[in-house]
Amino acid sequence: MNRNRSALVTVACLVAAIVAGCGSPAVIQPSESSAVAEFKGQLARDGKVRFRSWNGKWIGMDGDTDLNFMPDGVVVMWEAGFTVRSYKGTYELDAEGAVSLQFEDFKSGWPAMVLERDAESLLLRPKDPKVGFIMGGRGGATTRSEHGSYWPFRVIALKQL
């Protein structure tokens, strides 16, 4: 009788362990990339993170663009054309560095981007490598080959204009 009782207790414990482990699967959150952690740290420290087109260099023509990321998912884009226009919007940044922007009154939309870090600084690149210059609301733009490529956008010091 004790042997049967011991076997039943063992079976009951195994069943309880199996049932307890068979609940809904645990949701595993991806760990935050180092670029995302750096971005969030700079945002908390400075209150803003600014990225500039043309690898972070102001070319002084009618094709420069700045993206200014602020707390609470707010982003403001400055677009240099014949004049400087600004667009206010929102952004989402996931733990892996995917960035999406939505701007009010910006008809052409903004491409999905990826936040990365190279040896120099944080970068924003389009998720689709075929994305080139963003014309946006400019009436036209003049660029020269010596300026390089519109992408990547590179983080710049807030004191740098």
N, C-alpha and C. Protein backbone atom coordinates (compact mmCIF):
# COMPACT_ATOMS: atom_id res chain seq x y z
N MET A 1 0.83 -1.18 0.00
CA MET A 1 0.00 0.00 0.00
C MET A 1 0.88 1.26 0.00
N ASN A 2 1.95 1.31 0.80
CA ASN A 2 2.83 2.47 0.83
C ASN A 2 3.52 2.67 -0.51
N ARG A 3 3.86 1.55 -1.15
CA ARG A 3 4.50 1.65 -2.45
C ARG A 3 3.55 2.27 -3.47
N ASN A 4 2.29 1.89 -3.48
CA ASN A 4 1.31 2.47 -4.41
C ASN A 4 1.08 3.94 -4.12
N ARG A 5 1.01 4.24 -2.82
CA ARG A 5 0.80 5.63 -2.42
C ARG A 5 1.99 6.50 -2.85
N SER A 6 3.18 6.01 -2.69
CA SER A 6 4.39 6.73 -3.09
C SER A 6 4.41 6.96 -4.59
N ALA A 7 4.00 5.94 -5.34
CA ALA A 7 3.95 6.06 -6.80
C ALA A 7 2.92 7.10 -7.21
N LEU A 8 1.76 7.11 -6.54
CA LEU A 8 0.72 8.09 -6.86
C LEU A 8 1.18 9.52 -6.56
N VAL A 9 1.89 9.70 -5.45
CA VAL A 9 2.40 11.03 -5.10
C VAL A 9 3.41 11.49 -6.15
N THR A 10 4.28 10.56 -6.58
CA THR A 10 5.28 10.89 -7.60
C THR A 10 4.59 11.29 -8.90
N VAL A 11 3.58 10.51 -9.32
CA VAL A 11 2.85 10.82 -10.55
C VAL A 11 2.13 12.16 -10.41
N ALA A 12 1.52 12.41 -9.26
CA ALA A 12 0.80 13.67 -9.03
C ALA A 12 1.76 14.85 -9.11
N CYS A 13 2.96 14.69 -8.53
CA CYS A 13 3.95 15.76 -8.60
C CYS A 13 4.41 16.01 -10.03
N LEU A 14 4.62 14.96 -10.79
CA LEU A 14 5.02 15.11 -12.19
C LEU A 14 3.94 15.81 -13.01
N VAL A 15 2.69 15.40 -12.80
CA VAL A 15 1.57 16.03 -13.52
C VAL A 15 1.48 17.51 -13.15
N ALA A 16 1.61 17.83 -11.88
CA ALA A 16 1.56 19.22 -11.44
C ALA A 16 2.68 20.03 -12.08
N ALA A 17 3.87 19.46 -12.13
CA ALA A 17 5.01 20.15 -12.73
C ALA A 17 4.80 20.39 -14.22
N ILE A 18 4.25 19.38 -14.89
CA ILE A 18 3.99 19.51 -16.33
C ILE A 18 2.93 20.57 -16.58
N VAL A 19 1.84 20.52 -15.82
CA VAL A 19 0.75 21.49 -16.01
C VAL A 19 1.23 22.90 -15.71
N ALA A 20 2.00 23.06 -14.66
CA ALA A 20 2.51 24.39 -14.31
C ALA A 20 3.42 24.94 -15.40
N GLY A 21 4.16 24.08 -16.05
CA GLY A 21 5.07 24.51 -17.11
C GLY A 21 4.40 24.65 -18.45
N CYS A 22 3.16 24.24 -18.58
CA CYS A 22 2.47 24.26 -19.87
C CYS A 22 1.50 25.42 -20.00
N GLY A 23 1.66 26.42 -19.18
CA GLY A 23 0.81 27.60 -19.31
C GLY A 23 1.17 28.33 -20.58
N SER A 24 0.75 29.56 -20.68
CA SER A 24 1.08 30.32 -21.88
C SER A 24 2.60 30.49 -21.95
N PRO A 25 3.14 30.44 -23.16
CA PRO A 25 4.60 30.56 -23.27
C PRO A 25 5.07 31.93 -22.82
N ALA A 26 6.25 31.98 -22.25
CA ALA A 26 6.81 33.25 -21.80
C ALA A 26 7.15 34.11 -23.01
N VAL A 27 6.88 35.38 -22.90
CA VAL A 27 7.23 36.31 -23.96
C VAL A 27 8.65 36.78 -23.72
N ILE A 28 9.51 36.53 -24.68
CA ILE A 28 10.91 36.92 -24.55
C ILE A 28 11.10 38.24 -25.27
N GLN A 29 11.51 39.24 -24.53
CA GLN A 29 11.77 40.54 -25.12
C GLN A 29 13.18 40.57 -25.68
N PRO A 30 13.35 41.07 -26.91
CA PRO A 30 14.72 41.17 -27.44
C PRO A 30 15.52 42.16 -26.61
N SER A 31 16.78 41.87 -26.44
CA SER A 31 17.61 42.80 -25.68
C SER A 31 17.86 44.05 -26.53
N GLU A 32 18.02 45.15 -25.86
CA GLU A 32 18.21 46.43 -26.52
C GLU A 32 19.60 46.49 -27.15
N SER A 33 19.68 46.93 -28.40
CA SER A 33 20.98 47.05 -29.05
C SER A 33 21.78 48.17 -28.38
N SER A 34 23.09 48.11 -28.53
CA SER A 34 23.95 49.15 -27.92
C SER A 34 23.68 50.51 -28.55
N ALA A 35 23.33 50.55 -29.84
CA ALA A 35 23.00 51.83 -30.48
C ALA A 35 21.73 52.42 -29.88
N VAL A 36 20.74 51.59 -29.61
CA VAL A 36 19.50 52.07 -29.00
C VAL A 36 19.77 52.58 -27.59
N ALA A 37 20.57 51.85 -26.83
CA ALA A 37 20.91 52.29 -25.47
C ALA A 37 21.65 53.62 -25.50
N GLU A 38 22.58 53.79 -26.45
CA GLU A 38 23.31 55.06 -26.57
C GLU A 38 22.38 56.21 -26.95
N PHE A 39 21.48 55.96 -27.90
CA PHE A 39 20.49 56.96 -28.32
C PHE A 39 19.65 57.40 -27.12
N LYS A 40 19.12 56.44 -26.38
CA LYS A 40 18.28 56.77 -25.23
C LYS A 40 19.06 57.51 -24.16
N GLY A 41 20.31 57.14 -23.96
CA GLY A 41 21.15 57.84 -22.99
C GLY A 41 21.39 59.28 -23.38
N GLN A 42 21.68 59.51 -24.66
CA GLN A 42 21.91 60.89 -25.13
C GLN A 42 20.63 61.70 -25.05
N LEU A 43 19.50 61.08 -25.37
CA LEU A 43 18.22 61.78 -25.30
C LEU A 43 17.91 62.18 -23.86
N ALA A 44 18.16 61.28 -22.92
CA ALA A 44 17.92 61.59 -21.50
C ALA A 44 18.86 62.69 -21.01
N ARG A 45 20.10 62.65 -21.46
CA ARG A 45 21.11 63.62 -21.01
C ARG A 45 20.90 65.01 -21.63
N ASP A 46 20.65 65.05 -22.96
CA ASP A 46 20.62 66.32 -23.68
C ASP A 46 19.21 66.83 -24.01
N GLY A 47 18.20 65.96 -23.90
CA GLY A 47 16.84 66.37 -24.22
C GLY A 47 16.53 66.37 -25.71
N LYS A 48 17.53 66.04 -26.54
CA LYS A 48 17.34 66.01 -27.99
C LYS A 48 18.51 65.23 -28.60
N VAL A 49 18.23 64.53 -29.70
CA VAL A 49 19.29 63.89 -30.48
C VAL A 49 19.08 64.33 -31.92
N ARG A 50 20.11 64.94 -32.51
CA ARG A 50 20.01 65.46 -33.89
C ARG A 50 20.87 64.65 -34.84
N PHE A 51 20.27 64.27 -35.97
CA PHE A 51 20.98 63.59 -37.05
C PHE A 51 20.93 64.49 -38.28
N ARG A 52 22.01 64.47 -39.05
CA ARG A 52 22.11 65.30 -40.25
C ARG A 52 22.42 64.42 -41.46
N SER A 53 21.78 64.77 -42.57
CA SER A 53 22.05 64.07 -43.84
C SER A 53 23.50 64.29 -44.26
N TRP A 54 23.86 63.70 -45.37
CA TRP A 54 25.20 63.85 -45.95
C TRP A 54 26.30 63.46 -44.97
N ASN A 55 26.04 62.37 -44.23
CA ASN A 55 27.03 61.82 -43.30
C ASN A 55 27.38 62.83 -42.19
N GLY A 56 26.38 63.67 -41.84
CA GLY A 56 26.56 64.61 -40.75
C GLY A 56 27.16 65.94 -41.15
N LYS A 57 27.32 66.17 -42.44
CA LYS A 57 27.96 67.41 -42.90
C LYS A 57 26.92 68.32 -43.57
N TRP A 58 26.88 69.58 -43.14
CA TRP A 58 26.01 70.57 -43.77
C TRP A 58 26.67 70.97 -45.08
N ILE A 59 26.02 70.69 -46.21
CA ILE A 59 26.65 71.02 -47.49
C ILE A 59 26.29 72.43 -47.95
N GLY A 60 25.31 73.06 -47.30
CA GLY A 60 24.99 74.45 -47.58
C GLY A 60 24.29 74.67 -48.90
N MET A 61 23.72 73.66 -49.43
CA MET A 61 22.96 73.80 -50.68
C MET A 61 21.48 73.67 -50.32
N ASP A 62 20.70 73.25 -51.25
CA ASP A 62 19.26 73.10 -51.00
C ASP A 62 18.87 71.63 -50.82
N GLY A 63 19.77 70.86 -50.25
CA GLY A 63 19.48 69.44 -50.07
C GLY A 63 19.79 68.92 -48.68
N ASP A 64 20.01 69.80 -47.70
CA ASP A 64 20.33 69.37 -46.34
C ASP A 64 19.06 69.04 -45.57
N THR A 65 19.17 68.06 -44.68
CA THR A 65 18.05 67.66 -43.83
C THR A 65 18.57 67.32 -42.45
N ASP A 66 17.90 67.80 -41.41
CA ASP A 66 18.17 67.43 -40.02
C ASP A 66 16.94 66.74 -39.46
N LEU A 67 17.17 65.71 -38.67
CA LEU A 67 16.12 65.04 -37.91
C LEU A 67 16.41 65.24 -36.44
N ASN A 68 15.49 65.87 -35.73
CA ASN A 68 15.66 66.19 -34.31
C ASN A 68 14.70 65.33 -33.50
N PHE A 69 15.26 64.36 -32.76
CA PHE A 69 14.47 63.44 -31.95
C PHE A 69 14.39 64.01 -30.53
N MET A 70 13.16 64.03 -29.99
CA MET A 70 12.94 64.56 -28.65
C MET A 70 12.19 63.54 -27.81
N PRO A 71 12.07 63.79 -26.51
CA PRO A 71 11.37 62.84 -25.65
C PRO A 71 9.91 62.62 -26.09
N ASP A 72 9.35 61.56 -25.57
CA ASP A 72 7.95 61.21 -25.80
C ASP A 72 7.61 60.95 -27.27
N GLY A 73 8.59 60.49 -28.04
CA GLY A 73 8.33 60.10 -29.42
C GLY A 73 8.10 61.25 -30.38
N VAL A 74 8.57 62.44 -30.05
CA VAL A 74 8.39 63.61 -30.93
C VAL A 74 9.65 63.78 -31.79
N VAL A 75 9.44 64.04 -33.08
CA VAL A 75 10.54 64.30 -34.01
C VAL A 75 10.20 65.54 -34.83
N VAL A 76 11.22 66.37 -35.11
CA VAL A 76 11.04 67.53 -35.98
C VAL A 76 12.11 67.45 -37.07
N MET A 77 11.67 67.56 -38.31
CA MET A 77 12.59 67.55 -39.45
C MET A 77 12.76 68.97 -39.96
N TRP A 78 14.00 69.35 -40.23
CA TRP A 78 14.31 70.61 -40.90
C TRP A 78 14.80 70.23 -42.29
N GLU A 79 14.17 70.82 -43.29
CA GLU A 79 14.48 70.51 -44.68
C GLU A 79 14.90 71.81 -45.37
N ALA A 80 16.15 71.86 -45.82
CA ALA A 80 16.65 73.05 -46.51
C ALA A 80 16.38 72.92 -48.00
N GLY A 81 15.70 73.88 -48.53
CA GLY A 81 15.44 73.98 -49.96
C GLY A 81 15.67 75.43 -50.33
N PHE A 82 14.75 76.03 -51.06
CA PHE A 82 14.82 77.47 -51.33
C PHE A 82 14.72 78.23 -50.01
N THR A 83 13.91 77.69 -49.10
CA THR A 83 13.82 78.16 -47.72
C THR A 83 13.94 76.93 -46.81
N VAL A 84 13.99 77.16 -45.51
CA VAL A 84 14.01 76.03 -44.57
C VAL A 84 12.58 75.77 -44.12
N ARG A 85 12.15 74.53 -44.28
CA ARG A 85 10.82 74.13 -43.83
C ARG A 85 11.00 73.15 -42.68
N SER A 86 10.04 73.13 -41.78
CA SER A 86 10.08 72.15 -40.70
C SER A 86 8.78 71.36 -40.68
N TYR A 87 8.90 70.12 -40.27
CA TYR A 87 7.77 69.21 -40.17
C TYR A 87 7.82 68.56 -38.80
N LYS A 88 6.72 68.62 -38.09
CA LYS A 88 6.63 67.98 -36.78
C LYS A 88 5.97 66.62 -36.96
N GLY A 89 6.45 65.66 -36.16
CA GLY A 89 5.87 64.34 -36.27
C GLY A 89 6.19 63.48 -35.06
N THR A 90 6.04 62.18 -35.26
CA THR A 90 6.30 61.21 -34.20
C THR A 90 7.24 60.14 -34.72
N TYR A 91 7.91 59.48 -33.78
CA TYR A 91 8.79 58.37 -34.16
C TYR A 91 8.59 57.20 -33.22
N GLU A 92 8.93 56.02 -33.73
CA GLU A 92 8.97 54.80 -32.94
C GLU A 92 10.34 54.19 -33.16
N LEU A 93 10.92 53.70 -32.07
CA LEU A 93 12.23 53.06 -32.10
C LEU A 93 12.10 51.77 -31.33
N ASP A 94 12.38 50.63 -31.99
CA ASP A 94 12.28 49.37 -31.27
C ASP A 94 13.64 48.97 -30.69
N ALA A 95 13.66 47.91 -29.91
CA ALA A 95 14.87 47.49 -29.20
C ALA A 95 16.00 47.10 -30.13
N GLU A 96 15.67 46.69 -31.35
CA GLU A 96 16.69 46.26 -32.31
C GLU A 96 17.21 47.41 -33.17
N GLY A 97 16.59 48.60 -33.05
CA GLY A 97 17.06 49.76 -33.79
C GLY A 97 16.23 50.14 -35.00
N ALA A 98 15.08 49.50 -35.23
CA ALA A 98 14.21 49.89 -36.33
C ALA A 98 13.53 51.21 -35.97
N VAL A 99 13.56 52.17 -36.89
CA VAL A 99 13.02 53.51 -36.65
C VAL A 99 11.96 53.81 -37.71
N SER A 100 10.80 54.27 -37.25
CA SER A 100 9.78 54.72 -38.20
C SER A 100 9.35 56.13 -37.81
N LEU A 101 9.15 56.97 -38.82
CA LEU A 101 8.78 58.37 -38.62
C LEU A 101 7.47 58.65 -39.35
N GLN A 102 6.64 59.45 -38.72
CA GLN A 102 5.40 59.93 -39.33
C GLN A 102 5.38 61.44 -39.15
N PHE A 103 5.26 62.19 -40.27
CA PHE A 103 5.26 63.64 -40.20
C PHE A 103 3.91 64.20 -40.63
N GLU A 104 3.46 65.23 -39.92
CA GLU A 104 2.26 65.96 -40.33
C GLU A 104 2.63 66.78 -41.57
N ASP A 105 1.77 66.84 -42.53
CA ASP A 105 1.93 67.69 -43.71
C ASP A 105 3.15 67.36 -44.57
N PHE A 106 3.68 66.17 -44.45
CA PHE A 106 4.80 65.75 -45.30
C PHE A 106 4.26 64.68 -46.24
N LYS A 107 3.95 65.09 -47.46
CA LYS A 107 3.19 64.25 -48.37
C LYS A 107 3.89 62.97 -48.81
N SER A 108 5.21 63.04 -49.01
CA SER A 108 5.89 61.88 -49.60
C SER A 108 6.18 60.76 -48.61
N GLY A 109 6.03 60.99 -47.32
CA GLY A 109 6.32 59.97 -46.33
C GLY A 109 7.82 59.80 -46.14
N TRP A 110 8.20 59.20 -45.04
CA TRP A 110 9.61 59.00 -44.73
C TRP A 110 9.91 57.52 -44.72
N PRO A 111 11.05 57.09 -45.27
CA PRO A 111 11.34 55.65 -45.33
C PRO A 111 11.67 55.06 -43.95
N ALA A 112 11.40 53.79 -43.79
CA ALA A 112 11.80 53.07 -42.58
C ALA A 112 13.32 53.09 -42.49
N MET A 113 13.83 53.25 -41.27
CA MET A 113 15.28 53.36 -41.09
C MET A 113 15.76 52.37 -40.03
N VAL A 114 17.09 52.27 -39.95
CA VAL A 114 17.75 51.45 -38.94
C VAL A 114 18.78 52.32 -38.23
N LEU A 115 18.75 52.28 -36.90
CA LEU A 115 19.73 52.98 -36.08
C LEU A 115 20.92 52.06 -35.88
N GLU A 116 22.12 52.57 -36.20
CA GLU A 116 23.35 51.78 -36.07
C GLU A 116 24.42 52.64 -35.43
N ARG A 117 25.53 52.01 -35.15
CA ARG A 117 26.70 52.74 -34.65
C ARG A 117 27.92 52.24 -35.38
N ASP A 118 28.75 53.17 -35.86
CA ASP A 118 30.04 52.78 -36.41
C ASP A 118 31.12 53.25 -35.44
N ALA A 119 32.36 53.24 -35.86
CA ALA A 119 33.46 53.62 -34.96
C ALA A 119 33.39 55.09 -34.55
N GLU A 120 32.67 55.91 -35.33
CA GLU A 120 32.62 57.35 -35.07
C GLU A 120 31.41 57.78 -34.25
N SER A 121 30.20 57.32 -34.64
CA SER A 121 28.99 57.83 -33.98
C SER A 121 27.77 57.00 -34.38
N LEU A 122 26.62 57.44 -33.88
CA LEU A 122 25.35 56.84 -34.28
C LEU A 122 25.01 57.23 -35.71
N LEU A 123 24.33 56.34 -36.42
CA LEU A 123 23.93 56.57 -37.81
C LEU A 123 22.49 56.16 -38.02
N LEU A 124 21.83 56.78 -38.97
CA LEU A 124 20.53 56.33 -39.46
C LEU A 124 20.69 56.00 -40.94
N ARG A 125 20.28 54.79 -41.30
CA ARG A 125 20.30 54.36 -42.70
C ARG A 125 18.89 53.91 -43.08
N PRO A 126 18.53 54.05 -44.35
CA PRO A 126 17.23 53.51 -44.76
C PRO A 126 17.26 51.99 -44.69
N LYS A 127 16.15 51.42 -44.28
CA LYS A 127 16.06 49.95 -44.23
C LYS A 127 16.24 49.37 -45.62
N ASP A 128 15.70 50.04 -46.62
CA ASP A 128 15.87 49.65 -48.02
C ASP A 128 17.07 50.40 -48.58
N PRO A 129 18.16 49.71 -48.88
CA PRO A 129 19.38 50.40 -49.34
C PRO A 129 19.21 51.13 -50.68
N LYS A 130 18.11 50.89 -51.40
CA LYS A 130 17.88 51.56 -52.68
C LYS A 130 17.31 52.97 -52.51
N VAL A 131 16.92 53.32 -51.27
CA VAL A 131 16.37 54.65 -51.03
C VAL A 131 17.48 55.68 -51.16
N GLY A 132 17.22 56.71 -51.94
CA GLY A 132 18.21 57.76 -52.15
C GLY A 132 17.77 59.07 -51.54
N PHE A 133 18.02 60.14 -52.24
CA PHE A 133 17.69 61.49 -51.79
C PHE A 133 16.19 61.63 -51.58
N ILE A 134 15.79 62.29 -50.50
CA ILE A 134 14.37 62.54 -50.21
C ILE A 134 14.07 63.98 -50.63
N MET A 135 13.31 64.13 -51.70
CA MET A 135 12.99 65.46 -52.21
C MET A 135 12.07 66.21 -51.25
N GLY A 136 11.09 65.54 -50.70
CA GLY A 136 10.17 66.15 -49.74
C GLY A 136 9.44 67.33 -50.34
N GLY A 137 9.39 68.45 -49.62
CA GLY A 137 8.67 69.63 -50.07
C GLY A 137 9.52 70.61 -50.85
N ARG A 138 10.75 70.23 -51.16
CA ARG A 138 11.63 71.13 -51.92
C ARG A 138 11.11 71.27 -53.35
N GLY A 139 11.26 72.45 -53.89
CA GLY A 139 10.89 72.65 -55.29
C GLY A 139 11.94 72.09 -56.23
N GLY A 140 13.14 71.96 -55.74
CA GLY A 140 14.26 71.43 -56.50
C GLY A 140 15.44 71.30 -55.57
N ALA A 141 16.47 70.65 -56.02
CA ALA A 141 17.66 70.49 -55.18
C ALA A 141 18.88 70.37 -56.08
N THR A 142 19.96 70.99 -55.63
CA THR A 142 21.22 70.91 -56.34
C THR A 142 22.22 70.17 -55.48
N THR A 143 22.74 69.08 -55.99
CA THR A 143 23.78 68.35 -55.25
C THR A 143 24.91 68.04 -56.23
N ARG A 144 26.09 67.91 -55.68
CA ARG A 144 27.25 67.59 -56.50
C ARG A 144 27.86 66.29 -55.99
N SER A 145 28.50 65.58 -56.87
CA SER A 145 29.05 64.27 -56.51
C SER A 145 30.09 64.35 -55.40
N GLU A 146 30.81 65.46 -55.28
CA GLU A 146 31.83 65.56 -54.23
C GLU A 146 31.22 65.61 -52.83
N HIS A 147 29.90 65.83 -52.75
CA HIS A 147 29.24 65.83 -51.44
C HIS A 147 29.02 64.41 -50.92
N GLY A 148 29.19 63.44 -51.74
CA GLY A 148 28.96 62.06 -51.31
C GLY A 148 27.49 61.69 -51.41
N SER A 149 27.02 60.93 -50.45
CA SER A 149 25.67 60.41 -50.46
C SER A 149 24.80 61.07 -49.39
N TYR A 150 23.54 61.23 -49.70
CA TYR A 150 22.56 61.78 -48.76
C TYR A 150 22.51 60.94 -47.48
N TRP A 151 22.61 59.63 -47.63
CA TRP A 151 22.64 58.69 -46.50
C TRP A 151 24.08 58.28 -46.24
N PRO A 152 24.48 57.98 -45.04
CA PRO A 152 23.65 57.94 -43.84
C PRO A 152 23.49 59.32 -43.22
N PHE A 153 22.49 59.41 -42.34
CA PHE A 153 22.37 60.55 -41.45
C PHE A 153 23.26 60.22 -40.25
N ARG A 154 24.04 61.18 -39.81
CA ARG A 154 24.95 60.95 -38.68
C ARG A 154 24.57 61.88 -37.53
N VAL A 155 24.66 61.36 -36.31
CA VAL A 155 24.36 62.19 -35.14
C VAL A 155 25.38 63.32 -35.07
N ILE A 156 24.91 64.50 -34.71
CA ILE A 156 25.82 65.64 -34.59
C ILE A 156 25.65 66.27 -33.22
N ALA A 157 26.67 66.98 -32.78
CA ALA A 157 26.62 67.69 -31.51
C ALA A 157 25.59 68.79 -31.61
N LEU A 158 24.82 69.00 -30.55
CA LEU A 158 23.78 70.02 -30.58
C LEU A 158 24.34 71.42 -30.75
N LYS A 159 25.59 71.62 -30.40
CA LYS A 159 26.21 72.95 -30.56
C LYS A 159 26.59 73.20 -32.01
N GLN A 160 26.71 72.12 -32.80
CA GLN A 160 27.08 72.24 -34.20
C GLN A 160 25.86 72.63 -35.02
N LEU A 161 25.97 73.64 -35.84
CA LEU A 161 24.84 74.05 -36.67
C LEU A 161 24.97 73.63 -38.06
